[in-house]
Every structure is written in structure tokens, then in C-alpha cells.
Amino acid sequence: MPKRIRKTESTSPPRKRRRDTRPTEEAARWESRILLYLEGEDPKLLDKETQKVYRRIDGTGAKIQGPVPLPVRRLPESRTTLHTDRVHRRLFRILFPTEKTVSLLEKLALSGSVQTSISVEEIPSGDTPGSPEERAKEETTR
């Protein structure tokens, strides 16, 4: 039986993992951040819809943070401990949205038991007048 010879030194350098290197469209970017909330009573259905939304938004070239699972809320009118009286929530932060992202969110169609709400936060730029203290106050009051 022949002996196996192991290589001790590699001739090629180790491969580096690539980060997301998609081309960005700087001209079509918004100067705001979009918060997308998904709510539903069935957590499995909510997670399926969340995956669908993530894939769609990721395809537009926007940077996404999330989905972040938020604490479960109980419906105010229910006094029982049934699991159907809970509302599960997920949050997406869409940083640097493009025009494609905004048009996608306008046409977003999900199942009937999943509700969505969208809010837009303005990102203060360095060109706007005002001190950093004033900008910090504005961010805390939001």
C-alpha cells in the first residue's frame, strides 16, 4: 500500500471571504431610513412572509438590518391565556433605500393575516445647519 504524502505548505494564499460587493447606485439613494413592521398572530406564517419580504428587498440593492423579532404583545381585549391572543412582530430597518425599494414597498402584497406598517426616518446629513446637540435632541424626541 503506497504512503500518502500530505502537503504542509500551500502554494496559493488562503481565500478571503467576500463581503457583499454589489454596485451601489449613489444617485438613486434616499437620505432616509425606512422602518417596516410586520405583525401577525401566527408566528410560522409571519416568518414565511418575513423571508419573502427579505428576499425581495435584498434584490433591490438596499441595505437591510433585520428581521428583528420584537416582544410579543397581547391583545388588550383578551383576558385568556390562549396563544391565539398574541401578536408577533418583526422589524426591518432599510438603510439607504433605492427607488426600486420604495416602489416595491408600495406594491407589497402579503397574506391577509399579516399587517404591515411603514415609517420613514430622516437621516440628518452633515450639510444641514445645527449643532450636534440639536440633532441629538431631534433623534431622542422621535
C-alpha atoms as a PDB file:
ATOM      1  CA  MET A   1       0.000   0.000   0.000  1.00  0.00           C
ATOM      2  CA  PRO A   2       1.568   3.339  -1.035  1.00  0.00           C
ATOM      3  CA  LYS A   3       2.075   6.056   1.523  1.00  0.00           C
ATOM      4  CA  ARG A   4       0.078   9.231   1.285  1.00  0.00           C
ATOM      5  CA  ILE A   5       2.080  12.404   1.227  1.00  0.00           C
ATOM      6  CA  ARG A   6       0.468  15.363   2.880  1.00  0.00           C
ATOM      7  CA  LYS A   7       1.167  18.870   1.741  1.00  0.00           C
ATOM      8  CA  THR A   8       2.467  21.007   4.533  1.00  0.00           C
ATOM      9  CA  GLU A   9       2.660  24.279   2.681  1.00  0.00           C
ATOM     10  CA  SER A  10       0.038  25.610   0.382  1.00  0.00           C
ATOM     11  CA  THR A  11       1.192  27.269  -2.811  1.00  0.00           C
ATOM     12  CA  SER A  12      -1.841  29.518  -3.018  1.00  0.00           C
ATOM     13  CA  PRO A  13      -2.721  32.104  -0.367  1.00  0.00           C
ATOM     14  CA  PRO A  14      -5.822  31.429   1.752  1.00  0.00           C
ATOM     15  CA  ARG A  15      -9.020  32.689   0.224  1.00  0.00           C
ATOM     16  CA  LYS A  16     -10.683  35.622   1.832  1.00  0.00           C
ATOM     17  CA  ARG A  17     -14.411  35.717   2.278  1.00  0.00           C
ATOM     18  CA  ARG A  18     -16.046  38.339   0.158  1.00  0.00           C
ATOM     19  CA  ARG A  19     -18.431  40.792   1.586  1.00  0.00           C
ATOM     20  CA  ASP A  20     -21.471  41.939  -0.307  1.00  0.00           C
ATOM     21  CA  THR A  21     -19.893  43.767  -3.250  1.00  0.00           C
ATOM     22  CA  ARG A  22     -22.918  44.756  -5.249  1.00  0.00           C
ATOM     23  CA  PRO A  23     -22.647  48.022  -7.158  1.00  0.00           C
ATOM     24  CA  THR A  24     -24.463  50.815  -5.398  1.00  0.00           C
ATOM     25  CA  GLU A  25     -26.464  53.465  -7.159  1.00  0.00           C
ATOM     26  CA  GLU A  26     -25.437  56.585  -5.293  1.00  0.00           C
ATOM     27  CA  ALA A  27     -27.613  58.931  -7.333  1.00  0.00           C
ATOM     28  CA  ALA A  28     -30.814  56.984  -6.689  1.00  0.00           C
ATOM     29  CA  ARG A  29     -30.346  56.627  -2.925  1.00  0.00           C
ATOM     30  CA  TRP A  30     -32.625  58.306  -0.433  1.00  0.00           C
ATOM     31  CA  GLU A  31     -31.419  60.328   2.528  1.00  0.00           C
ATOM     32  CA  SER A  32     -33.707  58.487   4.920  1.00  0.00           C
ATOM     33  CA  ARG A  33     -34.207  55.187   6.678  1.00  0.00           C
ATOM     34  CA  ILE A  34     -37.377  53.118   6.332  1.00  0.00           C
ATOM     35  CA  LEU A  35     -38.764  51.050   9.203  1.00  0.00           C
ATOM     36  CA  LEU A  36     -41.036  48.205   8.133  1.00  0.00           C
ATOM     37  CA  TYR A  37     -43.086  46.427  10.801  1.00  0.00           C
ATOM     38  CA  LEU A  38     -44.835  43.103  10.158  1.00  0.00           C
ATOM     39  CA  GLU A  39     -47.442  41.851  12.637  1.00  0.00           C
ATOM     40  CA  GLY A  40     -49.413  38.635  12.786  1.00  0.00           C
ATOM     41  CA  GLU A  41     -50.974  36.154  15.179  1.00  0.00           C
ATOM     42  CA  ASP A  42     -49.429  33.040  13.607  1.00  0.00           C
ATOM     43  CA  PRO A  43     -45.622  33.082  14.100  1.00  0.00           C
ATOM     44  CA  LYS A  44     -44.909  30.437  11.438  1.00  0.00           C
ATOM     45  CA  LEU A  45     -46.862  32.300   8.766  1.00  0.00           C
ATOM     46  CA  LEU A  46     -45.236  35.553   9.874  1.00  0.00           C
ATOM     47  CA  ASP A  47     -41.760  34.040   9.487  1.00  0.00           C
ATOM     48  CA  LYS A  48     -42.587  32.798   5.965  1.00  0.00           C
ATOM     49  CA  GLU A  49     -43.804  36.234   4.951  1.00  0.00           C
ATOM     50  CA  THR A  50     -40.740  37.782   6.589  1.00  0.00           C
ATOM     51  CA  GLN A  51     -38.422  35.608   4.478  1.00  0.00           C
ATOM     52  CA  LYS A  52     -40.338  36.576   1.340  1.00  0.00           C
ATOM     53  CA  VAL A  53     -40.066  40.281   2.151  1.00  0.00           C
ATOM     54  CA  TYR A  54     -36.344  39.955   2.974  1.00  0.00           C
ATOM     55  CA  ARG A  55     -35.556  38.313  -0.367  1.00  0.00           C
ATOM     56  CA  ARG A  56     -37.497  40.943  -2.290  1.00  0.00           C
ATOM     57  CA  ILE A  57     -35.899  43.906  -0.526  1.00  0.00           C
ATOM     58  CA  ASP A  58     -32.426  42.374  -0.776  1.00  0.00           C
ATOM     59  CA  GLY A  59     -32.892  42.076  -4.531  1.00  0.00           C
ATOM     60  CA  THR A  60     -33.380  45.841  -4.885  1.00  0.00           C
ATOM     61  CA  GLY A  61     -29.871  46.666  -3.644  1.00  0.00           C
ATOM     62  CA  ALA A  62     -30.853  48.311  -0.367  1.00  0.00           C
ATOM     63  CA  LYS A  63     -29.005  47.544   2.843  1.00  0.00           C
ATOM     64  CA  ILE A  64     -31.204  45.736   5.365  1.00  0.00           C
ATOM     65  CA  GLN A  65     -30.976  45.246   9.107  1.00  0.00           C
ATOM     66  CA  GLY A  66     -33.275  42.558  10.343  1.00  0.00           C
ATOM     67  CA  PRO A  67     -35.697  40.943  10.643  1.00  0.00           C
ATOM     68  CA  VAL A  68     -35.598  41.761  14.325  1.00  0.00           C
ATOM     69  CA  PRO A  69     -38.130  39.823  16.409  1.00  0.00           C
ATOM     70  CA  LEU A  70     -39.873  42.269  18.729  1.00  0.00           C
ATOM     71  CA  PRO A  71     -41.549  41.316  22.018  1.00  0.00           C
ATOM     72  CA  VAL A  72     -44.901  39.587  21.733  1.00  0.00           C
ATOM     73  CA  ARG A  73     -47.909  41.775  22.501  1.00  0.00           C
ATOM     74  CA  ARG A  74     -51.156  40.542  23.987  1.00  0.00           C
ATOM     75  CA  LEU A  75     -54.396  41.785  22.558  1.00  0.00           C
ATOM     76  CA  PRO A  76     -55.933  44.265  25.018  1.00  0.00           C
ATOM     77  CA  GLU A  77     -59.471  42.838  24.897  1.00  0.00           C
ATOM     78  CA  SER A  78     -58.411  39.272  25.732  1.00  0.00           C
ATOM     79  CA  ARG A  79     -58.241  38.006  29.294  1.00  0.00           C
ATOM     80  CA  THR A  80     -57.493  34.368  28.498  1.00  0.00           C
ATOM     81  CA  THR A  81     -54.060  32.811  28.147  1.00  0.00           C
ATOM     82  CA  LEU A  82     -54.612  31.311  24.714  1.00  0.00           C
ATOM     83  CA  HIS A  83     -51.712  31.590  22.294  1.00  0.00           C
ATOM     84  CA  THR A  84     -54.075  32.985  19.634  1.00  0.00           C
ATOM     85  CA  ASP A  85     -54.413  36.190  21.649  1.00  0.00           C
ATOM     86  CA  ARG A  86     -50.809  37.176  20.986  1.00  0.00           C
ATOM     87  CA  VAL A  87     -49.431  39.421  18.261  1.00  0.00           C
ATOM     88  CA  HIS A  88     -45.949  38.564  16.987  1.00  0.00           C
ATOM     89  CA  ARG A  89     -43.928  41.349  15.394  1.00  0.00           C
ATOM     90  CA  ARG A  90     -40.857  41.658  13.158  1.00  0.00           C
ATOM     91  CA  LEU A  91     -38.927  44.803  12.280  1.00  0.00           C
ATOM     92  CA  PHE A  92     -36.858  45.587   9.189  1.00  0.00           C
ATOM     93  CA  ARG A  93     -34.583  48.626   9.075  1.00  0.00           C
ATOM     94  CA  ILE A  94     -33.952  49.508   5.447  1.00  0.00           C
ATOM     95  CA  LEU A  95     -30.867  51.683   5.242  1.00  0.00           C
ATOM     96  CA  PHE A  96     -30.083  53.549   2.026  1.00  0.00           C
ATOM     97  CA  PRO A  97     -33.262  52.556   0.159  1.00  0.00           C
ATOM     98  CA  THR A  98     -33.322  52.898  -3.611  1.00  0.00           C
ATOM     99  CA  GLU A  99     -36.190  53.872  -5.875  1.00  0.00           C
ATOM    100  CA  LYS A 100     -36.773  50.170  -6.574  1.00  0.00           C
ATOM    101  CA  THR A 101     -37.141  49.542  -2.837  1.00  0.00           C
ATOM    102  CA  VAL A 102     -39.744  52.266  -2.421  1.00  0.00           C
ATOM    103  CA  SER A 103     -41.778  51.093  -5.399  1.00  0.00           C
ATOM    104  CA  LEU A 104     -41.604  47.516  -4.076  1.00  0.00           C
ATOM    105  CA  LEU A 105     -42.905  48.605  -0.666  1.00  0.00           C
ATOM    106  CA  GLU A 106     -45.801  50.437  -2.327  1.00  0.00           C
ATOM    107  CA  LYS A 107     -46.847  47.234  -4.131  1.00  0.00           C
ATOM    108  CA  LEU A 108     -46.082  44.811  -1.282  1.00  0.00           C
ATOM    109  CA  ALA A 109     -48.747  42.096  -1.112  1.00  0.00           C
ATOM    110  CA  LEU A 110     -48.788  39.736   1.859  1.00  0.00           C
ATOM    111  CA  SER A 111     -51.286  37.260   3.245  1.00  0.00           C
ATOM    112  CA  GLY A 112     -54.425  38.614   4.873  1.00  0.00           C
ATOM    113  CA  SER A 113     -53.419  37.785   8.440  1.00  0.00           C
ATOM    114  CA  VAL A 114     -50.146  39.758   8.296  1.00  0.00           C
ATOM    115  CA  GLN A 115     -50.404  43.522   8.780  1.00  0.00           C
ATOM    116  CA  THR A 116     -47.678  45.948   7.754  1.00  0.00           C
ATOM    117  CA  SER A 117     -46.822  49.449   8.817  1.00  0.00           C
ATOM    118  CA  ILE A 118     -44.124  51.653   7.351  1.00  0.00           C
ATOM    119  CA  SER A 119     -42.451  54.686   8.853  1.00  0.00           C
ATOM    120  CA  VAL A 120     -39.729  56.885   7.393  1.00  0.00           C
ATOM    121  CA  GLU A 121     -36.965  58.477   9.449  1.00  0.00           C
ATOM    122  CA  GLU A 122     -34.911  61.311   8.035  1.00  0.00           C
ATOM    123  CA  ILE A 123     -31.158  60.882   8.452  1.00  0.00           C
ATOM    124  CA  PRO A 124     -29.513  64.175   9.374  1.00  0.00           C
ATOM    125  CA  SER A 125     -26.705  64.964   6.945  1.00  0.00           C
ATOM    126  CA  GLY A 126     -23.576  66.947   7.710  1.00  0.00           C
ATOM    127  CA  ASP A 127     -24.684  69.803   5.409  1.00  0.00           C
ATOM    128  CA  THR A 128     -27.706  70.771   7.485  1.00  0.00           C
ATOM    129  CA  PRO A 129     -27.298  73.688   9.877  1.00  0.00           C
ATOM    130  CA  GLY A 130     -27.436  72.974  13.578  1.00  0.00           C
ATOM    131  CA  SER A 131     -25.148  71.724  16.250  1.00  0.00           C
ATOM    132  CA  PRO A 132     -24.703  68.043  17.106  1.00  0.00           C
ATOM    133  CA  GLU A 133     -26.578  68.684  20.361  1.00  0.00           C
ATOM    134  CA  GLU A 134     -29.651  69.876  18.432  1.00  0.00           C
ATOM    135  CA  ARG A 135     -29.529  66.794  16.197  1.00  0.00           C
ATOM    136  CA  ALA A 136     -29.285  64.551  19.271  1.00  0.00           C
ATOM    137  CA  LYS A 137     -32.386  66.225  20.729  1.00  0.00           C
ATOM    138  CA  GLU A 138     -34.299  65.653  17.490  1.00  0.00           C
ATOM    139  CA  GLU A 139     -33.371  61.978  17.468  1.00  0.00           C
ATOM    140  CA  THR A 140     -34.459  61.461  21.093  1.00  0.00           C
ATOM    141  CA  THR A 141     -37.831  63.118  20.511  1.00  0.00           C
ATOM    142  CA  ARG A 142     -38.688  60.804  17.608  1.00  0.00           C
END
